[in-house]
Protein backbone atom coordinates (compact mmCIF):
# COMPACT_ATOMS: atom_id res chain seq x y z
CA MET A 1 23.05 -8.69 -16.80
CA ILE A 2 21.95 -11.96 -15.19
CA VAL A 3 18.61 -11.95 -13.41
CA ALA A 4 16.93 -14.61 -11.27
CA LEU A 5 13.23 -15.18 -10.58
CA ALA A 6 12.65 -17.20 -7.41
CA SER A 7 9.48 -19.28 -7.13
CA PRO A 8 9.07 -20.76 -3.62
CA ARG A 9 6.25 -22.80 -2.20
CA VAL A 10 3.85 -21.22 0.30
CA ALA A 11 5.56 -21.00 3.69
CA PRO A 12 3.60 -22.10 6.79
CA SER A 13 5.66 -19.83 9.06
CA LEU A 14 7.96 -16.84 8.81
CA ASP A 15 10.96 -19.02 9.66
CA ASP A 16 10.04 -21.46 6.88
CA GLY A 17 9.70 -18.51 4.50
CA LEU A 18 13.13 -17.20 5.44
CA GLU A 19 14.64 -20.65 4.95
CA ASN A 20 13.12 -20.81 1.44
CA VAL A 21 14.51 -17.35 0.74
CA ARG A 22 17.95 -18.48 1.94
CA TRP A 23 18.29 -21.50 -0.33
CA LEU A 24 16.81 -19.80 -3.38
CA MET A 25 19.13 -16.81 -2.98
CA ALA A 26 22.07 -19.17 -2.60
CA GLU A 27 21.05 -21.03 -5.77
CA ALA A 28 20.59 -17.80 -7.73
CA SER A 29 23.96 -16.50 -6.60
CA ALA A 30 25.68 -19.80 -7.45
CA GLN A 31 24.36 -19.43 -11.02
CA GLY A 32 25.84 -15.95 -11.32
CA ALA A 33 22.68 -13.88 -10.92
CA GLU A 34 23.16 -10.21 -10.04
CA ILE A 35 19.60 -9.71 -8.83
CA VAL A 36 16.82 -12.02 -7.65
CA CYS A 37 13.11 -11.26 -7.35
CA PHE A 38 10.63 -13.05 -5.07
CA PRO A 39 6.82 -13.22 -5.38
CA GLU A 40 4.23 -10.82 -4.02
CA ALA A 41 4.04 -10.48 -0.21
CA TYR A 42 6.07 -13.68 0.20
CA LEU A 43 6.99 -12.68 3.74
CA PRO A 44 4.65 -13.61 5.37
CA GLY A 45 2.25 -14.52 2.50
CA LEU A 46 -0.64 -12.89 0.66
CA ARG A 47 -3.87 -12.38 2.63
CA GLY A 48 -7.29 -12.94 1.12
CA VAL A 49 -6.39 -16.03 -0.90
CA ASP A 50 -6.56 -19.71 0.02
CA ILE A 51 -3.41 -19.89 2.11
CA ASP A 52 -2.93 -19.53 5.86
CA VAL A 53 -0.82 -16.45 6.56
CA PRO A 54 1.22 -16.55 9.79
CA PRO A 55 1.22 -13.61 12.22
CA PHE A 56 3.31 -10.65 11.13
CA ASP A 57 3.77 -7.69 13.46
CA GLN A 58 6.34 -4.91 13.57
CA ALA A 59 8.92 -7.12 15.29
CA ASP A 60 8.44 -9.77 12.58
CA GLN A 61 8.77 -7.14 9.86
CA ASP A 62 12.01 -5.83 11.35
CA ARG A 63 13.41 -9.36 11.77
CA ALA A 64 12.53 -10.33 8.21
CA THR A 65 14.06 -7.15 6.79
CA ARG A 66 17.29 -7.68 8.72
CA ALA A 67 17.45 -11.34 7.69
CA VAL A 68 16.98 -10.62 3.97
CA ALA A 69 19.55 -7.81 4.09
CA GLU A 70 22.04 -10.20 5.67
CA LEU A 71 21.32 -12.91 3.08
CA ALA A 72 21.79 -10.42 0.25
CA ARG A 73 25.14 -9.43 1.72
CA THR A 74 26.20 -13.04 2.39
CA HIS A 75 25.42 -14.19 -1.15
CA GLY A 76 26.41 -10.95 -2.87
CA ILE A 77 23.14 -10.60 -4.77
CA ALA A 78 20.70 -7.71 -5.07
CA THR A 79 17.23 -8.76 -3.96
CA ILE A 80 13.62 -7.70 -4.55
CA MET A 81 11.62 -9.10 -1.65
CA GLY A 82 7.82 -9.17 -1.61
CA MET A 83 6.72 -8.28 1.91
CA GLU A 84 4.09 -6.63 4.03
CA ARG A 85 4.78 -3.18 5.48
CA LEU A 86 2.95 -1.99 8.56
CA THR A 87 1.87 1.66 8.54
CA ASP A 88 -0.37 3.84 10.68
CA ALA A 89 -3.02 3.58 7.95
CA GLY A 90 -2.82 -0.22 7.74
CA ARG A 91 -0.91 -3.01 6.02
CA GLN A 92 0.67 -2.37 2.64
CA ILE A 93 1.99 -4.80 0.05
CA VAL A 94 5.53 -3.76 -0.90
CA ALA A 95 8.60 -4.96 -2.76
CA VAL A 96 11.72 -4.04 -0.77
CA VAL A 97 14.94 -3.69 -2.78
CA PHE A 98 18.37 -4.51 -1.34
CA ASP A 99 21.70 -4.16 -3.11
CA ALA A 100 24.38 -6.86 -3.10
CA ASP A 101 25.89 -5.36 0.06
CA GLY A 102 22.59 -5.70 1.88
CA ARG A 103 21.80 -1.99 1.79
CA ASP A 104 18.10 -1.12 1.73
CA LEU A 105 17.48 0.86 -1.49
CA GLY A 106 13.83 1.53 -0.67
CA TYR A 107 10.57 -0.10 -1.61
CA GLN A 108 7.78 0.00 -4.16
CA THR A 109 4.25 -0.06 -2.76
CA LYS A 110 1.31 -1.74 -4.45
CA ASN A 111 -0.82 1.23 -5.42
CA GLN A 112 -3.59 -0.52 -7.34
CA LEU A 113 -5.12 -3.16 -5.08
CA ALA A 114 -7.35 -5.93 -6.36
CA PRO A 115 -10.91 -5.56 -5.00
CA SER A 116 -10.46 -8.76 -2.97
CA GLU A 117 -7.50 -7.16 -1.17
CA ASP A 118 -9.36 -4.11 0.11
CA PRO A 119 -10.31 -5.75 3.46
CA PHE A 120 -6.68 -6.58 4.24
CA TYR A 121 -4.44 -3.86 2.80
CA VAL A 122 -4.23 -0.15 2.08
CA PRO A 123 -2.73 1.14 -1.19
CA GLY A 124 0.44 3.15 -1.59
CA ASP A 125 0.62 6.31 -3.67
CA THR A 126 4.12 6.66 -5.16
CA ARG A 127 6.24 4.94 -7.80
CA ARG A 128 10.02 4.52 -7.89
CA ILE A 129 12.85 3.64 -10.24
CA PHE A 130 15.75 1.55 -8.92
CA ALA A 131 19.16 0.67 -10.36
CA VAL A 132 21.54 -2.25 -9.85
CA ASN A 133 24.91 -2.42 -11.61
CA GLY A 134 23.87 0.43 -13.87
CA THR A 135 20.61 -1.16 -15.05
CA ARG A 136 17.44 0.76 -14.23
CA PHE A 137 14.30 -1.16 -13.34
CA GLY A 138 10.82 -0.74 -11.97
CA VAL A 139 8.42 -2.92 -10.01
CA ALA A 140 4.69 -3.44 -10.66
CA ILE A 141 2.99 -5.77 -8.18
CA CYS A 142 0.52 -8.44 -9.37
CA HIS A 143 -2.88 -6.79 -10.12
CA GLU A 144 -1.07 -3.60 -11.17
CA GLY A 145 0.73 -5.35 -13.99
CA TRP A 146 -2.28 -7.43 -15.01
CA ARG A 147 -4.92 -4.70 -15.08
CA TYR A 148 -3.12 -1.34 -15.01
CA PRO A 149 -0.56 -1.26 -17.84
CA GLU A 150 0.29 2.35 -17.07
CA THR A 151 2.17 1.14 -13.98
CA VAL A 152 4.66 -0.61 -16.26
CA ARG A 153 4.78 2.19 -18.82
CA TRP A 154 5.56 4.67 -16.02
CA ALA A 155 8.83 2.84 -15.36
CA ALA A 156 9.64 2.20 -19.03
CA ALA A 157 9.17 5.87 -19.89
CA ARG A 158 11.73 6.71 -17.20
CA GLY A 159 14.46 4.47 -18.53
CA ALA A 160 13.66 1.11 -16.92
CA ARG A 161 15.12 -1.71 -19.01
CA ILE A 162 13.18 -4.36 -17.10
CA VAL A 163 10.09 -4.31 -14.91
CA PHE A 164 9.84 -6.99 -12.24
CA HIS A 165 6.34 -8.26 -11.49
CA PRO A 166 5.97 -10.09 -8.15
CA GLN A 167 2.61 -11.86 -8.16
CA HIS A 168 0.36 -14.49 -6.61
CA THR A 169 -1.89 -15.96 -9.29
CA GLY A 170 -3.72 -19.24 -8.86
CA SER A 171 -4.70 -21.52 -6.00
CA ASN A 172 -3.03 -23.88 -3.60
CA GLN A 173 -6.28 -25.84 -3.15
CA ASP A 174 -7.98 -26.49 -6.47
CA GLY A 175 -8.04 -25.47 -10.12
CA ILE A 176 -6.83 -26.50 -13.54
CA ARG A 177 -3.35 -27.78 -14.26
CA LEU A 178 -1.70 -25.76 -17.01
CA LYS A 179 0.56 -27.51 -19.50
CA GLU A 180 1.11 -25.10 -22.40
CA TRP A 181 2.57 -21.63 -21.84
CA GLY A 182 0.30 -18.92 -23.24
CA GLY A 183 -2.31 -21.38 -24.46
CA ALA A 184 -5.28 -19.80 -26.23
CA ASP A 185 -7.81 -21.49 -23.93
CA ARG A 186 -5.95 -20.65 -20.71
CA PRO A 187 -6.17 -17.65 -18.33
CA TYR A 188 -5.14 -14.32 -19.82
CA TYR A 189 -2.24 -13.65 -17.47
CA GLU A 190 0.58 -14.87 -19.71
CA LYS A 191 -0.85 -12.90 -22.62
CA ALA A 192 -0.73 -9.83 -20.37
CA MET A 193 2.98 -10.49 -19.72
CA VAL A 194 3.59 -10.36 -23.47
CA MET A 195 1.70 -7.10 -23.79
CA ARG A 196 3.52 -5.39 -20.90
CA SER A 197 6.78 -6.20 -22.70
CA ILE A 198 5.95 -5.47 -26.32
CA GLU A 199 3.92 -2.31 -25.66
CA ASN A 200 6.99 -0.80 -23.96
CA THR A 201 9.95 -2.56 -25.69
CA ILE A 202 11.42 -3.76 -22.39
CA TYR A 203 11.94 -6.99 -20.49
CA PHE A 204 9.08 -8.09 -18.23
CA ALA A 205 9.91 -10.51 -15.42
CA SER A 206 6.88 -12.06 -13.72
CA VAL A 207 7.40 -14.08 -10.53
CA ASN A 208 4.69 -16.38 -9.13
CA TYR A 209 4.57 -18.68 -6.12
CA ALA A 210 5.07 -22.41 -6.73
CA LEU A 211 1.36 -23.07 -6.25
CA ARG A 212 -0.34 -26.43 -6.76
CA PHE A 213 -2.65 -24.84 -9.34
CA PRO A 214 -0.92 -21.75 -10.74
CA GLU A 215 -2.73 -19.67 -13.36
CA SER A 216 0.53 -18.34 -14.76
CA ALA A 217 4.14 -19.43 -14.84
CA THR A 218 7.15 -17.58 -13.50
CA ALA A 219 8.48 -16.20 -16.78
CA LEU A 220 10.84 -13.75 -18.47
CA ILE A 221 9.55 -11.95 -21.57
CA ASP A 222 12.03 -10.26 -23.90
CA PRO A 223 11.59 -6.77 -25.44
CA ALA A 224 10.07 -8.26 -28.60
CA GLY A 225 7.28 -9.89 -26.57
CA GLU A 226 8.70 -13.43 -26.80
CA CYS A 227 8.80 -15.72 -23.78
CA GLN A 228 12.54 -16.15 -23.26
CA ALA A 229 12.14 -18.77 -20.52
CA TYR A 230 9.75 -19.98 -17.83
CA LEU A 231 9.66 -22.38 -14.91
CA PRO A 232 7.48 -25.49 -15.20
CA TYR A 233 4.08 -24.90 -13.61
CA GLY A 234 4.10 -25.38 -9.84
CA GLN A 235 7.80 -26.20 -9.70
CA GLU A 236 9.70 -24.69 -6.82
CA GLY A 237 13.02 -23.24 -7.93
CA VAL A 238 14.82 -20.33 -9.50
CA LEU A 239 14.83 -19.21 -13.13
CA VAL A 240 18.20 -17.65 -14.02
CA GLN A 241 18.53 -15.83 -17.33
CA SER A 242 20.86 -13.38 -19.05
CA ILE A 243 19.33 -10.19 -20.42
CA ASP A 244 20.76 -7.53 -22.73
CA PRO A 245 19.77 -4.14 -21.28
CA GLU A 246 20.69 -2.43 -24.56
CA ALA A 247 18.03 -4.47 -26.34
CA ALA A 248 15.41 -2.96 -24.04
CA THR A 249 15.24 0.35 -25.88
CA GLY A 250 11.94 1.47 -24.43
CA LEU A 251 11.12 2.73 -27.94
CA ILE A 252 7.35 2.33 -27.79
CA ALA A 253 7.14 3.74 -24.25
CA SER A 254 9.26 6.73 -25.26
CA ARG A 255 6.83 7.59 -28.08
CA PHE A 256 3.89 7.97 -25.69
CA ALA A 257 2.60 11.53 -26.12
CA PRO A 258 0.30 12.44 -23.21
CA ALA A 259 -0.25 15.96 -24.63
CA ARG A 260 -2.33 14.33 -27.36
CA TYR A 261 -4.84 13.06 -24.79
CA GLN A 262 -6.14 16.37 -23.50
CA GLU A 263 -9.87 16.62 -23.18
CA SER A 264 -11.61 19.15 -25.37
CA THR A 265 -15.07 20.67 -25.38
CA PRO A 266 -17.11 19.56 -28.38
CA THR A 267 -17.95 22.36 -30.79
CA ARG A 268 -21.15 22.73 -32.74
């Protein structure tokens, strides 16, 4: 299977965001990718960080969903799109999945919000497994994959060969400029990518914005916990890689034995 991880720059408007989606999907398709994943809440952008997020109401949500479905169909590529979803309870962060014919396969909500996101979003409460061309996959969104490894194991234990990880990590205003992937003196995020892979024996595909000061790269980690490939820090573009679903055995995830974690009353 050929997967693509699309890393666009922050979009100042919804139309600019959709244009970035268009050319990155076209590039991924031209390189033979069967599925492409975009960063967290890319349409319209992630609230609570140092970027200006354009207005996004129900009409905008409907227009963006229709546009992405049409682009998926035009380019013949399944798509995982980070978006907002408006609900009666409030805004949710979701990853909407479309197949290569533009059909909406459903969405994964972000269920574990970062504390900084509480003023802007409400959490979801369900998890889903998806499949494209016979390959099962899950989605864990940003903070979930960094701090809540059980969100990735949930998918791996249910046959996911790869977990996609849309994220926004870093700053568009100031920070350090990373040079070495996984460096010992750098933020922990890339080490967490390795752990989410190796502790489940699956591929882990983490997708960041092309920020000026990213704290992690857009990267694909193989089932042995090795970084298979990554995009240069801050570079806008698409990372296209071939994966072997059979190599993602899920062995370690399948050996998880929750019955061994039952609480007991101490005896004297």
